[in-house]
Amino acid sequence: MLDDMRSDAPPRYAVVALRRSFVCVCLCADVFVRMLI
C-alpha cells in the first residue's frame, strides 16, 4: 500500500471515497430540506 500511495497517479480508493462522501452529503442535504418543509 505504501508504494501505491507514493505513486504520482491519483489513487482510485481516494476518488471512490470522494464520490461516496459527495453522494452522502447530497442525500443528507435532501433529507434535511424535506424535514424543514
Protein backbone atom coordinates (compact mmCIF):
# COMPACT_ATOMS: atom_id res chain seq x y z
CA MET A 1 0.00 0.00 0.00
CA LEU A 2 2.89 2.39 0.67
CA ASP A 3 4.11 2.03 -2.92
CA ASP A 4 0.62 2.86 -4.22
CA MET A 5 0.47 5.97 -2.02
CA ARG A 6 3.88 7.14 -3.23
CA SER A 7 2.90 6.79 -6.89
CA ASP A 8 2.20 10.02 -8.80
CA ALA A 9 -1.07 8.68 -10.22
CA PRO A 10 -4.16 9.56 -8.14
CA PRO A 11 -5.22 6.54 -6.06
CA ARG A 12 -8.56 5.06 -7.07
CA TYR A 13 -9.70 4.50 -3.48
CA ALA A 14 -9.36 8.24 -2.81
CA VAL A 15 -11.55 9.06 -5.82
CA VAL A 16 -14.13 6.48 -4.74
CA ALA A 17 -14.10 7.87 -1.20
CA LEU A 18 -14.68 11.41 -2.51
CA ARG A 19 -17.58 10.22 -4.65
CA ARG A 20 -19.17 8.35 -1.74
CA SER A 21 -18.78 11.32 0.60
CA PHE A 22 -20.27 13.64 -2.06
CA VAL A 23 -23.29 11.35 -2.51
CA CYS A 24 -23.72 11.11 1.28
CA VAL A 25 -23.69 14.91 1.59
CA CYS A 26 -26.29 15.22 -1.18
CA LEU A 27 -28.56 12.66 0.49
CA CYS A 28 -28.18 14.32 3.90
CA ALA A 29 -28.99 17.72 2.39
CA ASP A 30 -32.07 16.31 0.65
CA VAL A 31 -33.35 14.78 3.90
CA PHE A 32 -32.61 18.00 5.81
CA VAL A 33 -34.58 20.08 3.28
CA ARG A 34 -37.51 17.66 3.43
CA MET A 35 -37.55 17.92 7.24
CA LEU A 36 -37.69 21.73 7.03
CA ILE A 37 -40.64 21.51 4.64
